[in-house]
N, C-alpha and C. Protein backbone atom coordinates (compact mmCIF):
# COMPACT_ATOMS: atom_id res chain seq x y z
N MET A 1 41.58 -65.15 -14.10
CA MET A 1 42.01 -65.65 -15.39
C MET A 1 43.14 -64.77 -15.93
N LEU A 2 44.21 -65.39 -16.30
CA LEU A 2 45.35 -64.67 -16.85
C LEU A 2 45.20 -64.51 -18.36
N THR A 3 45.54 -63.32 -18.86
CA THR A 3 45.71 -63.12 -20.29
C THR A 3 47.20 -62.99 -20.54
N TYR A 4 47.61 -63.12 -21.78
CA TYR A 4 49.03 -63.21 -22.07
C TYR A 4 49.45 -62.19 -23.12
N ASN A 5 50.58 -61.54 -22.86
CA ASN A 5 51.21 -60.63 -23.81
C ASN A 5 52.61 -61.20 -24.05
N VAL A 6 52.78 -61.95 -25.13
CA VAL A 6 54.04 -62.65 -25.41
C VAL A 6 54.77 -61.90 -26.52
N ARG A 7 56.00 -61.45 -26.21
CA ARG A 7 56.81 -60.73 -27.18
C ARG A 7 58.14 -61.44 -27.36
N GLY A 8 58.69 -61.34 -28.54
CA GLY A 8 59.97 -61.96 -28.81
C GLY A 8 60.99 -60.95 -29.31
N GLU A 9 62.23 -61.08 -28.85
CA GLU A 9 63.34 -60.27 -29.34
C GLU A 9 64.33 -61.22 -30.00
N ASN A 10 64.61 -60.99 -31.27
CA ASN A 10 65.48 -61.85 -32.08
C ASN A 10 64.89 -63.25 -32.25
N ILE A 11 63.58 -63.35 -32.12
CA ILE A 11 62.90 -64.63 -32.32
C ILE A 11 61.46 -64.34 -32.73
N GLU A 12 60.96 -65.14 -33.66
CA GLU A 12 59.56 -65.04 -34.03
C GLU A 12 58.75 -65.91 -33.08
N VAL A 13 57.74 -65.31 -32.47
CA VAL A 13 56.91 -66.06 -31.54
C VAL A 13 55.89 -66.86 -32.36
N THR A 14 56.18 -68.13 -32.52
CA THR A 14 55.28 -69.00 -33.29
C THR A 14 54.09 -69.40 -32.43
N GLU A 15 53.09 -69.98 -33.06
CA GLU A 15 51.91 -70.44 -32.34
C GLU A 15 52.29 -71.53 -31.34
N ALA A 16 53.26 -72.38 -31.71
CA ALA A 16 53.71 -73.45 -30.81
C ALA A 16 54.35 -72.87 -29.55
N ILE A 17 55.19 -71.86 -29.72
CA ILE A 17 55.84 -71.23 -28.56
C ILE A 17 54.80 -70.53 -27.70
N ARG A 18 53.90 -69.78 -28.35
CA ARG A 18 52.84 -69.07 -27.61
C ARG A 18 51.97 -70.04 -26.81
N SER A 19 51.57 -71.13 -27.43
CA SER A 19 50.70 -72.08 -26.71
C SER A 19 51.44 -72.76 -25.57
N TYR A 20 52.75 -73.03 -25.74
CA TYR A 20 53.53 -73.63 -24.66
C TYR A 20 53.65 -72.67 -23.48
N VAL A 21 53.92 -71.39 -23.77
CA VAL A 21 54.00 -70.37 -22.71
C VAL A 21 52.67 -70.29 -21.97
N GLU A 22 51.58 -70.20 -22.71
CA GLU A 22 50.26 -70.08 -22.08
C GLU A 22 49.91 -71.32 -21.26
N LYS A 23 50.25 -72.50 -21.78
CA LYS A 23 49.97 -73.75 -21.05
C LYS A 23 50.73 -73.79 -19.72
N ARG A 24 52.01 -73.43 -19.77
CA ARG A 24 52.84 -73.49 -18.56
C ARG A 24 52.43 -72.43 -17.54
N ILE A 25 52.24 -71.19 -17.97
CA ILE A 25 51.93 -70.12 -17.03
C ILE A 25 50.50 -70.23 -16.52
N SER A 26 49.61 -70.83 -17.30
CA SER A 26 48.22 -70.98 -16.84
C SER A 26 48.13 -71.88 -15.61
N LYS A 27 49.18 -72.65 -15.32
CA LYS A 27 49.18 -73.48 -14.11
C LYS A 27 49.15 -72.63 -12.84
N LEU A 28 49.52 -71.34 -12.95
CA LEU A 28 49.45 -70.45 -11.80
C LEU A 28 48.01 -70.14 -11.40
N ASN A 29 47.07 -70.32 -12.32
CA ASN A 29 45.66 -70.03 -12.02
C ASN A 29 45.15 -70.86 -10.84
N LYS A 30 45.70 -72.06 -10.64
CA LYS A 30 45.24 -72.91 -9.54
C LYS A 30 45.46 -72.27 -8.18
N PHE A 31 46.43 -71.35 -8.08
CA PHE A 31 46.70 -70.69 -6.81
C PHE A 31 45.72 -69.58 -6.51
N PHE A 32 45.08 -69.04 -7.53
CA PHE A 32 44.21 -67.89 -7.34
C PHE A 32 42.73 -68.21 -7.45
N GLY A 33 42.37 -69.41 -7.83
CA GLY A 33 40.97 -69.70 -8.08
C GLY A 33 40.56 -68.99 -9.35
N GLY A 34 39.32 -68.58 -9.45
CA GLY A 34 38.86 -67.87 -10.64
C GLY A 34 38.82 -66.37 -10.45
N SER A 35 39.37 -65.87 -9.34
CA SER A 35 39.19 -64.47 -9.00
C SER A 35 40.24 -63.53 -9.59
N VAL A 36 41.27 -64.04 -10.27
CA VAL A 36 42.35 -63.19 -10.78
C VAL A 36 42.05 -62.73 -12.20
N THR A 37 42.20 -61.43 -12.42
CA THR A 37 42.17 -60.88 -13.77
C THR A 37 43.47 -60.10 -13.93
N ALA A 38 44.40 -60.64 -14.70
CA ALA A 38 45.70 -60.01 -14.84
C ALA A 38 46.29 -60.38 -16.19
N THR A 39 47.31 -59.63 -16.60
CA THR A 39 48.01 -59.91 -17.84
C THR A 39 49.44 -60.34 -17.51
N ALA A 40 49.82 -61.48 -18.04
CA ALA A 40 51.19 -61.97 -17.88
C ALA A 40 52.01 -61.42 -19.05
N HIS A 41 52.98 -60.57 -18.75
CA HIS A 41 53.86 -60.01 -19.77
C HIS A 41 55.07 -60.93 -19.90
N VAL A 42 55.22 -61.55 -21.07
CA VAL A 42 56.27 -62.53 -21.29
C VAL A 42 57.19 -62.02 -22.40
N ASN A 43 58.48 -61.87 -22.08
CA ASN A 43 59.48 -61.46 -23.07
C ASN A 43 60.42 -62.64 -23.32
N LEU A 44 60.53 -63.01 -24.57
CA LEU A 44 61.43 -64.09 -24.97
C LEU A 44 62.58 -63.47 -25.75
N LYS A 45 63.81 -63.76 -25.35
CA LYS A 45 64.98 -63.20 -26.02
C LYS A 45 65.93 -64.33 -26.39
N VAL A 46 66.46 -64.27 -27.60
CA VAL A 46 67.47 -65.22 -28.02
C VAL A 46 68.72 -64.42 -28.35
N TYR A 47 69.84 -64.82 -27.77
CA TYR A 47 71.10 -64.10 -27.94
C TYR A 47 71.98 -64.79 -28.98
N SER A 48 73.01 -64.09 -29.41
CA SER A 48 73.90 -64.62 -30.45
C SER A 48 74.68 -65.85 -29.98
N ASP A 49 74.85 -66.01 -28.67
CA ASP A 49 75.56 -67.20 -28.17
C ASP A 49 74.61 -68.38 -27.98
N LYS A 50 73.43 -68.28 -28.62
CA LYS A 50 72.42 -69.36 -28.64
C LYS A 50 71.79 -69.65 -27.28
N THR A 51 71.80 -68.66 -26.37
CA THR A 51 71.08 -68.82 -25.12
C THR A 51 69.74 -68.10 -25.23
N ALA A 52 68.78 -68.58 -24.48
CA ALA A 52 67.43 -68.01 -24.50
C ALA A 52 67.08 -67.51 -23.11
N LYS A 53 66.58 -66.28 -23.05
CA LYS A 53 66.18 -65.68 -21.79
C LYS A 53 64.67 -65.47 -21.82
N VAL A 54 64.01 -65.86 -20.73
CA VAL A 54 62.56 -65.67 -20.60
C VAL A 54 62.31 -64.81 -19.37
N GLU A 55 61.59 -63.71 -19.56
CA GLU A 55 61.21 -62.82 -18.46
C GLU A 55 59.70 -62.80 -18.38
N VAL A 56 59.15 -62.99 -17.19
CA VAL A 56 57.70 -62.95 -17.00
C VAL A 56 57.40 -61.99 -15.86
N THR A 57 56.48 -61.07 -16.11
CA THR A 57 56.00 -60.15 -15.08
C THR A 57 54.49 -60.23 -15.05
N ILE A 58 53.95 -60.46 -13.86
CA ILE A 58 52.50 -60.52 -13.69
C ILE A 58 52.13 -59.54 -12.59
N PRO A 59 51.69 -58.33 -12.97
CA PRO A 59 51.30 -57.33 -11.97
C PRO A 59 49.90 -57.61 -11.44
N LEU A 60 49.79 -57.76 -10.13
CA LEU A 60 48.51 -57.97 -9.45
C LEU A 60 48.30 -56.79 -8.50
N SER A 61 47.12 -56.62 -8.00
CA SER A 61 46.85 -55.48 -7.12
C SER A 61 47.59 -55.58 -5.79
N PHE A 62 47.88 -56.78 -5.33
CA PHE A 62 48.50 -56.99 -4.03
C PHE A 62 49.94 -57.48 -4.11
N LEU A 63 50.42 -57.76 -5.31
CA LEU A 63 51.73 -58.38 -5.48
C LEU A 63 52.12 -58.32 -6.94
N THR A 64 53.39 -58.13 -7.21
CA THR A 64 53.88 -58.25 -8.59
C THR A 64 54.81 -59.45 -8.64
N LEU A 65 54.43 -60.42 -9.44
CA LEU A 65 55.25 -61.61 -9.62
C LEU A 65 56.20 -61.33 -10.78
N ARG A 66 57.49 -61.62 -10.59
CA ARG A 66 58.46 -61.39 -11.65
C ARG A 66 59.55 -62.44 -11.54
N ALA A 67 59.89 -63.02 -12.68
CA ALA A 67 60.97 -64.00 -12.70
C ALA A 67 61.62 -63.98 -14.08
N GLU A 68 62.89 -64.34 -14.12
CA GLU A 68 63.59 -64.48 -15.40
C GLU A 68 64.57 -65.63 -15.29
N GLU A 69 64.77 -66.30 -16.41
CA GLU A 69 65.70 -67.43 -16.48
C GLU A 69 66.38 -67.44 -17.84
N THR A 70 67.64 -67.85 -17.86
CA THR A 70 68.41 -67.98 -19.09
C THR A 70 68.99 -69.38 -19.16
N SER A 71 68.84 -70.02 -20.32
CA SER A 71 69.42 -71.35 -20.53
C SER A 71 69.62 -71.56 -22.03
N PRO A 72 70.31 -72.62 -22.41
CA PRO A 72 70.52 -72.87 -23.85
C PRO A 72 69.24 -73.25 -24.60
N ASP A 73 68.21 -73.68 -23.87
CA ASP A 73 66.97 -74.15 -24.50
C ASP A 73 65.82 -73.23 -24.09
N LEU A 74 65.10 -72.68 -25.07
CA LEU A 74 63.98 -71.77 -24.80
C LEU A 74 62.90 -72.44 -23.95
N TYR A 75 62.55 -73.66 -24.30
CA TYR A 75 61.49 -74.36 -23.57
C TYR A 75 61.91 -74.66 -22.13
N ALA A 76 63.18 -74.97 -21.93
CA ALA A 76 63.68 -75.18 -20.56
C ALA A 76 63.61 -73.88 -19.77
N SER A 77 63.92 -72.76 -20.40
CA SER A 77 63.82 -71.47 -19.72
C SER A 77 62.39 -71.17 -19.31
N ILE A 78 61.44 -71.50 -20.17
CA ILE A 78 60.01 -71.30 -19.85
C ILE A 78 59.63 -72.15 -18.64
N ASP A 79 60.08 -73.41 -18.63
CA ASP A 79 59.79 -74.30 -17.50
C ASP A 79 60.40 -73.76 -16.20
N LEU A 80 61.65 -73.33 -16.27
CA LEU A 80 62.34 -72.83 -15.08
C LEU A 80 61.67 -71.57 -14.53
N VAL A 81 61.27 -70.67 -15.41
CA VAL A 81 60.65 -69.43 -14.96
C VAL A 81 59.27 -69.72 -14.36
N THR A 82 58.56 -70.67 -14.89
CA THR A 82 57.26 -71.05 -14.33
C THR A 82 57.42 -71.65 -12.94
N ASP A 83 58.42 -72.50 -12.78
CA ASP A 83 58.69 -73.08 -11.45
C ASP A 83 59.03 -71.99 -10.44
N LYS A 84 59.82 -71.02 -10.86
CA LYS A 84 60.20 -69.91 -9.98
C LYS A 84 58.97 -69.10 -9.56
N LEU A 85 58.06 -68.83 -10.50
CA LEU A 85 56.83 -68.09 -10.18
C LEU A 85 55.94 -68.88 -9.22
N GLU A 86 55.85 -70.19 -9.43
CA GLU A 86 55.06 -71.03 -8.51
C GLU A 86 55.61 -70.96 -7.09
N ARG A 87 56.94 -71.00 -6.94
CA ARG A 87 57.54 -70.90 -5.61
C ARG A 87 57.22 -69.54 -4.97
N GLN A 88 57.26 -68.47 -5.77
CA GLN A 88 56.94 -67.15 -5.24
C GLN A 88 55.50 -67.08 -4.72
N VAL A 89 54.57 -67.62 -5.50
CA VAL A 89 53.16 -67.59 -5.08
C VAL A 89 52.95 -68.42 -3.82
N ARG A 90 53.55 -69.62 -3.78
CA ARG A 90 53.42 -70.47 -2.59
C ARG A 90 53.96 -69.76 -1.35
N LYS A 91 55.12 -69.15 -1.49
CA LYS A 91 55.75 -68.44 -0.37
C LYS A 91 54.86 -67.29 0.11
N PHE A 92 54.33 -66.54 -0.84
CA PHE A 92 53.47 -65.41 -0.49
C PHE A 92 52.19 -65.89 0.21
N LYS A 93 51.51 -66.88 -0.36
CA LYS A 93 50.26 -67.38 0.24
C LYS A 93 50.50 -67.97 1.62
N THR A 94 51.59 -68.71 1.79
CA THR A 94 51.91 -69.30 3.09
C THR A 94 52.12 -68.21 4.13
N LYS A 95 52.88 -67.19 3.77
CA LYS A 95 53.17 -66.12 4.71
C LYS A 95 51.91 -65.33 5.07
N ILE A 96 51.09 -65.02 4.08
CA ILE A 96 49.86 -64.26 4.33
C ILE A 96 48.90 -65.08 5.19
N ASN A 97 48.73 -66.36 4.87
CA ASN A 97 47.82 -67.19 5.66
C ASN A 97 48.32 -67.40 7.08
N ARG A 98 49.64 -67.50 7.26
CA ARG A 98 50.20 -67.64 8.61
C ARG A 98 49.90 -66.37 9.41
N LYS A 99 50.11 -65.21 8.78
CA LYS A 99 49.83 -63.94 9.47
C LYS A 99 48.36 -63.82 9.83
N SER A 100 47.49 -64.22 8.92
CA SER A 100 46.05 -64.08 9.18
C SER A 100 45.61 -65.02 10.31
N ARG A 101 46.20 -66.22 10.38
CA ARG A 101 45.87 -67.13 11.48
C ARG A 101 46.33 -66.57 12.80
N GLU A 102 47.53 -65.95 12.81
CA GLU A 102 48.05 -65.35 14.04
C GLU A 102 47.15 -64.22 14.53
N LYS A 103 46.58 -63.47 13.59
CA LYS A 103 45.72 -62.35 13.95
C LYS A 103 44.26 -62.76 14.09
N GLY A 104 43.96 -64.04 13.81
CA GLY A 104 42.61 -64.54 14.01
C GLY A 104 41.66 -64.32 12.84
N PHE A 105 42.19 -64.16 11.63
CA PHE A 105 41.32 -63.93 10.48
C PHE A 105 40.97 -65.21 9.74
N GLY A 106 41.62 -66.32 10.03
CA GLY A 106 41.38 -67.54 9.29
C GLY A 106 42.12 -67.53 7.96
N GLN A 107 41.62 -68.28 7.00
CA GLN A 107 42.25 -68.40 5.69
C GLN A 107 41.91 -67.20 4.82
N ILE A 108 42.89 -66.64 4.14
CA ILE A 108 42.67 -65.53 3.23
C ILE A 108 42.70 -66.05 1.81
N ASP A 109 41.71 -65.66 1.01
CA ASP A 109 41.68 -66.01 -0.40
C ASP A 109 42.18 -64.81 -1.18
N ILE A 110 43.13 -65.01 -2.06
CA ILE A 110 43.74 -63.91 -2.79
C ILE A 110 42.86 -63.51 -3.96
N ASP A 111 42.63 -62.19 -4.10
CA ASP A 111 41.88 -61.63 -5.22
C ASP A 111 42.78 -60.59 -5.89
N ALA A 112 42.72 -60.46 -7.20
CA ALA A 112 43.69 -59.58 -7.85
C ALA A 112 43.15 -58.90 -9.09
N THR A 113 43.72 -57.72 -9.37
CA THR A 113 43.59 -57.03 -10.65
C THR A 113 44.95 -56.43 -10.96
N ALA A 114 45.20 -56.00 -12.19
CA ALA A 114 46.55 -55.62 -12.59
C ALA A 114 46.75 -54.14 -12.82
N PRO A 115 47.65 -53.45 -12.03
CA PRO A 115 47.99 -52.08 -12.39
C PRO A 115 49.46 -51.78 -12.69
N ALA A 116 50.43 -52.46 -12.14
CA ALA A 116 51.83 -52.02 -12.18
C ALA A 116 52.51 -52.30 -13.51
N GLU A 117 53.73 -51.75 -13.70
CA GLU A 117 54.54 -51.96 -14.90
C GLU A 117 55.85 -52.61 -14.50
N PRO A 118 56.55 -53.25 -15.46
CA PRO A 118 57.86 -53.81 -15.14
C PRO A 118 58.83 -52.71 -14.73
N LYS A 119 59.85 -53.10 -13.94
CA LYS A 119 60.78 -52.09 -13.42
C LYS A 119 61.69 -51.57 -14.52
N PRO A 120 62.09 -50.27 -14.43
CA PRO A 120 62.92 -49.67 -15.47
C PRO A 120 64.38 -50.07 -15.36
N ALA A 121 65.11 -49.90 -16.45
CA ALA A 121 66.55 -50.14 -16.45
C ALA A 121 67.25 -48.98 -15.75
N GLU A 122 68.40 -49.27 -15.13
CA GLU A 122 69.12 -48.23 -14.41
C GLU A 122 70.16 -47.56 -15.30
N ASP A 123 70.40 -46.28 -15.09
CA ASP A 123 71.42 -45.53 -15.80
C ASP A 123 72.14 -44.67 -14.77
N ASP A 124 73.32 -45.12 -14.29
CA ASP A 124 74.03 -44.43 -13.22
C ASP A 124 74.75 -43.18 -13.71
N ASP A 125 75.06 -43.08 -15.01
CA ASP A 125 75.84 -41.97 -15.52
C ASP A 125 75.03 -40.69 -15.71
N ASN A 126 73.73 -40.79 -15.81
CA ASN A 126 72.90 -39.65 -16.12
C ASN A 126 71.93 -39.39 -14.97
N LEU A 127 71.85 -38.15 -14.51
CA LEU A 127 70.99 -37.83 -13.37
C LEU A 127 69.64 -37.27 -13.79
N THR A 128 69.27 -37.38 -15.04
CA THR A 128 67.97 -36.90 -15.47
C THR A 128 66.92 -37.98 -15.24
N VAL A 129 65.71 -37.56 -14.98
CA VAL A 129 64.60 -38.49 -14.78
C VAL A 129 64.16 -38.97 -16.15
N VAL A 130 64.23 -40.27 -16.39
CA VAL A 130 63.86 -40.83 -17.70
C VAL A 130 62.49 -41.50 -17.66
N ARG A 131 61.96 -41.67 -16.47
CA ARG A 131 60.66 -42.30 -16.36
C ARG A 131 60.04 -41.94 -15.02
N THR A 132 58.77 -41.66 -15.04
CA THR A 132 58.03 -41.39 -13.81
C THR A 132 57.02 -42.52 -13.63
N LYS A 133 56.93 -43.02 -12.42
CA LYS A 133 56.05 -44.14 -12.15
C LYS A 133 55.12 -43.75 -11.01
N ARG A 134 53.84 -43.94 -11.20
CA ARG A 134 52.85 -43.69 -10.15
C ARG A 134 52.46 -45.03 -9.54
N VAL A 135 52.43 -45.06 -8.23
CA VAL A 135 52.04 -46.28 -7.55
C VAL A 135 50.95 -45.95 -6.54
N SER A 136 50.06 -46.90 -6.35
CA SER A 136 49.10 -46.76 -5.27
C SER A 136 49.62 -47.60 -4.12
N LEU A 137 49.76 -46.99 -2.97
CA LEU A 137 50.35 -47.67 -1.82
C LEU A 137 49.31 -48.55 -1.15
N LYS A 138 49.71 -49.77 -0.90
CA LYS A 138 48.82 -50.73 -0.25
C LYS A 138 49.12 -50.78 1.24
N PRO A 139 48.09 -50.77 2.08
CA PRO A 139 48.34 -50.91 3.52
C PRO A 139 48.89 -52.30 3.83
N MET A 140 50.00 -52.34 4.56
CA MET A 140 50.62 -53.60 4.97
C MET A 140 51.60 -53.31 6.09
N ASP A 141 52.12 -54.35 6.72
CA ASP A 141 53.14 -54.12 7.73
C ASP A 141 54.52 -54.29 7.09
N SER A 142 55.57 -54.01 7.84
CA SER A 142 56.92 -54.01 7.28
C SER A 142 57.35 -55.40 6.81
N GLN A 143 56.90 -56.45 7.48
CA GLN A 143 57.28 -57.80 7.05
C GLN A 143 56.68 -58.15 5.69
N GLU A 144 55.42 -57.75 5.46
CA GLU A 144 54.81 -57.99 4.16
C GLU A 144 55.52 -57.18 3.09
N ALA A 145 55.93 -55.96 3.42
CA ALA A 145 56.65 -55.10 2.46
C ALA A 145 58.00 -55.72 2.10
N ILE A 146 58.69 -56.31 3.07
CA ILE A 146 59.97 -56.97 2.80
C ILE A 146 59.76 -58.17 1.88
N LEU A 147 58.71 -58.94 2.12
CA LEU A 147 58.39 -60.08 1.26
C LEU A 147 58.13 -59.60 -0.16
N GLN A 148 57.34 -58.55 -0.31
CA GLN A 148 57.04 -58.00 -1.64
C GLN A 148 58.32 -57.52 -2.32
N MET A 149 59.18 -56.81 -1.58
CA MET A 149 60.44 -56.30 -2.12
C MET A 149 61.32 -57.45 -2.60
N ASP A 150 61.44 -58.50 -1.79
CA ASP A 150 62.27 -59.65 -2.16
C ASP A 150 61.73 -60.35 -3.40
N MET A 151 60.40 -60.48 -3.49
CA MET A 151 59.81 -61.14 -4.66
C MET A 151 60.05 -60.35 -5.93
N LEU A 152 60.07 -59.03 -5.82
CA LEU A 152 60.32 -58.18 -6.98
C LEU A 152 61.80 -58.12 -7.34
N GLY A 153 62.66 -58.48 -6.39
CA GLY A 153 64.10 -58.39 -6.62
C GLY A 153 64.61 -56.97 -6.49
N HIS A 154 63.88 -56.11 -5.80
CA HIS A 154 64.30 -54.72 -5.60
C HIS A 154 65.09 -54.60 -4.31
N ASN A 155 65.75 -53.44 -4.11
CA ASN A 155 66.46 -53.22 -2.86
C ASN A 155 65.75 -52.22 -1.97
N PHE A 156 64.55 -51.75 -2.37
CA PHE A 156 63.71 -50.93 -1.50
C PHE A 156 62.25 -51.11 -1.92
N PHE A 157 61.33 -50.72 -1.03
CA PHE A 157 59.91 -50.84 -1.33
C PHE A 157 59.15 -49.81 -0.51
N ILE A 158 58.29 -49.05 -1.16
CA ILE A 158 57.46 -48.02 -0.51
C ILE A 158 56.08 -48.61 -0.24
N PHE A 159 55.54 -48.35 0.95
CA PHE A 159 54.23 -48.90 1.29
C PHE A 159 53.54 -48.01 2.32
N GLU A 160 52.24 -48.22 2.48
CA GLU A 160 51.49 -47.53 3.52
C GLU A 160 51.48 -48.44 4.74
N ASP A 161 52.00 -47.94 5.86
CA ASP A 161 52.05 -48.73 7.08
C ASP A 161 50.63 -48.90 7.61
N ALA A 162 50.18 -50.14 7.76
CA ALA A 162 48.81 -50.42 8.19
C ALA A 162 48.57 -49.96 9.63
N ASP A 163 49.62 -49.90 10.46
CA ASP A 163 49.45 -49.50 11.85
C ASP A 163 49.38 -47.98 12.01
N THR A 164 50.22 -47.25 11.27
CA THR A 164 50.29 -45.80 11.45
C THR A 164 49.59 -45.01 10.34
N ASN A 165 49.20 -45.70 9.26
CA ASN A 165 48.62 -45.07 8.06
C ASN A 165 49.58 -44.08 7.41
N GLY A 166 50.85 -44.12 7.75
CA GLY A 166 51.86 -43.25 7.15
C GLY A 166 52.61 -43.98 6.05
N THR A 167 53.33 -43.22 5.24
CA THR A 167 54.15 -43.80 4.18
C THR A 167 55.49 -44.23 4.77
N SER A 168 55.89 -45.46 4.45
CA SER A 168 57.15 -46.00 4.96
C SER A 168 57.92 -46.65 3.81
N ILE A 169 59.22 -46.85 4.04
CA ILE A 169 60.08 -47.49 3.05
C ILE A 169 60.92 -48.54 3.77
N VAL A 170 60.92 -49.75 3.23
CA VAL A 170 61.86 -50.77 3.70
C VAL A 170 62.96 -50.87 2.66
N TYR A 171 64.18 -51.19 3.12
CA TYR A 171 65.30 -51.30 2.19
C TYR A 171 66.25 -52.38 2.68
N LYS A 172 67.01 -52.92 1.74
CA LYS A 172 67.99 -53.94 2.07
C LYS A 172 69.33 -53.26 2.33
N ARG A 173 69.91 -53.56 3.47
CA ARG A 173 71.20 -52.97 3.86
C ARG A 173 72.35 -53.77 3.26
N ARG A 174 73.53 -53.20 3.26
CA ARG A 174 74.70 -53.88 2.70
C ARG A 174 75.04 -55.15 3.47
N ASP A 175 74.70 -55.18 4.78
CA ASP A 175 75.00 -56.37 5.59
C ASP A 175 73.96 -57.47 5.40
N GLY A 176 72.97 -57.26 4.50
CA GLY A 176 71.97 -58.28 4.21
C GLY A 176 70.71 -58.18 5.05
N ARG A 177 70.74 -57.33 6.09
CA ARG A 177 69.55 -57.15 6.91
C ARG A 177 68.69 -56.06 6.30
N TYR A 178 67.61 -55.69 6.98
CA TYR A 178 66.66 -54.74 6.42
C TYR A 178 66.54 -53.50 7.28
N GLY A 179 66.27 -52.37 6.64
CA GLY A 179 66.05 -51.11 7.33
C GLY A 179 64.63 -50.61 7.06
N LEU A 180 64.15 -49.72 7.91
CA LEU A 180 62.81 -49.15 7.76
C LEU A 180 62.92 -47.65 7.92
N ILE A 181 62.37 -46.91 6.97
CA ILE A 181 62.30 -45.45 7.05
C ILE A 181 60.83 -45.08 7.20
N GLU A 182 60.50 -44.36 8.25
CA GLU A 182 59.13 -43.91 8.47
C GLU A 182 59.07 -42.41 8.30
N THR A 183 57.96 -41.91 7.74
CA THR A 183 57.81 -40.48 7.52
C THR A 183 57.05 -39.84 8.68
N ASP A 184 57.32 -38.56 8.93
CA ASP A 184 56.56 -37.78 9.91
C ASP A 184 55.35 -37.22 9.21
N GLU A 185 54.20 -37.43 9.78
CA GLU A 185 52.99 -36.88 9.14
C GLU A 185 52.13 -36.21 10.16
């Protein structure tokens, strides 16, 4: 079951807007069954040029779903971001179930709880640490790590390699392909 944290910037979050957000995002529950306990962080922003941006982050124990959309209509942005999140979940479940069938595990049912935070803003001019983030590394292979990295929209991802039990990093190269850094342990 998803709970909702809806915040507005330059907009008052009315009960109508809140209920529309909850109605649309609650459609993601069908992908998880009743086993998910997570908070959907929803940021609604309205800019001076009359465009509306909707950002949604749903941190789960095995995956962080994140999407954002900007359009002239707030409700259209909510619809677009929900569609984007549905595609992410479908892609993730398809890939995980395909892997499990290849390895002989059958169908995997996704179970989740929420620990992560949204990603920080970048500041290239200053070399001081402005935020420290603790992560618990999940055992997975490099292909699952690349999928997770792509869904988050990041250019690198740290994970525990399920085969070696070591810490590894996948990253996106300038040529569009992927690299893997493995640690000596």
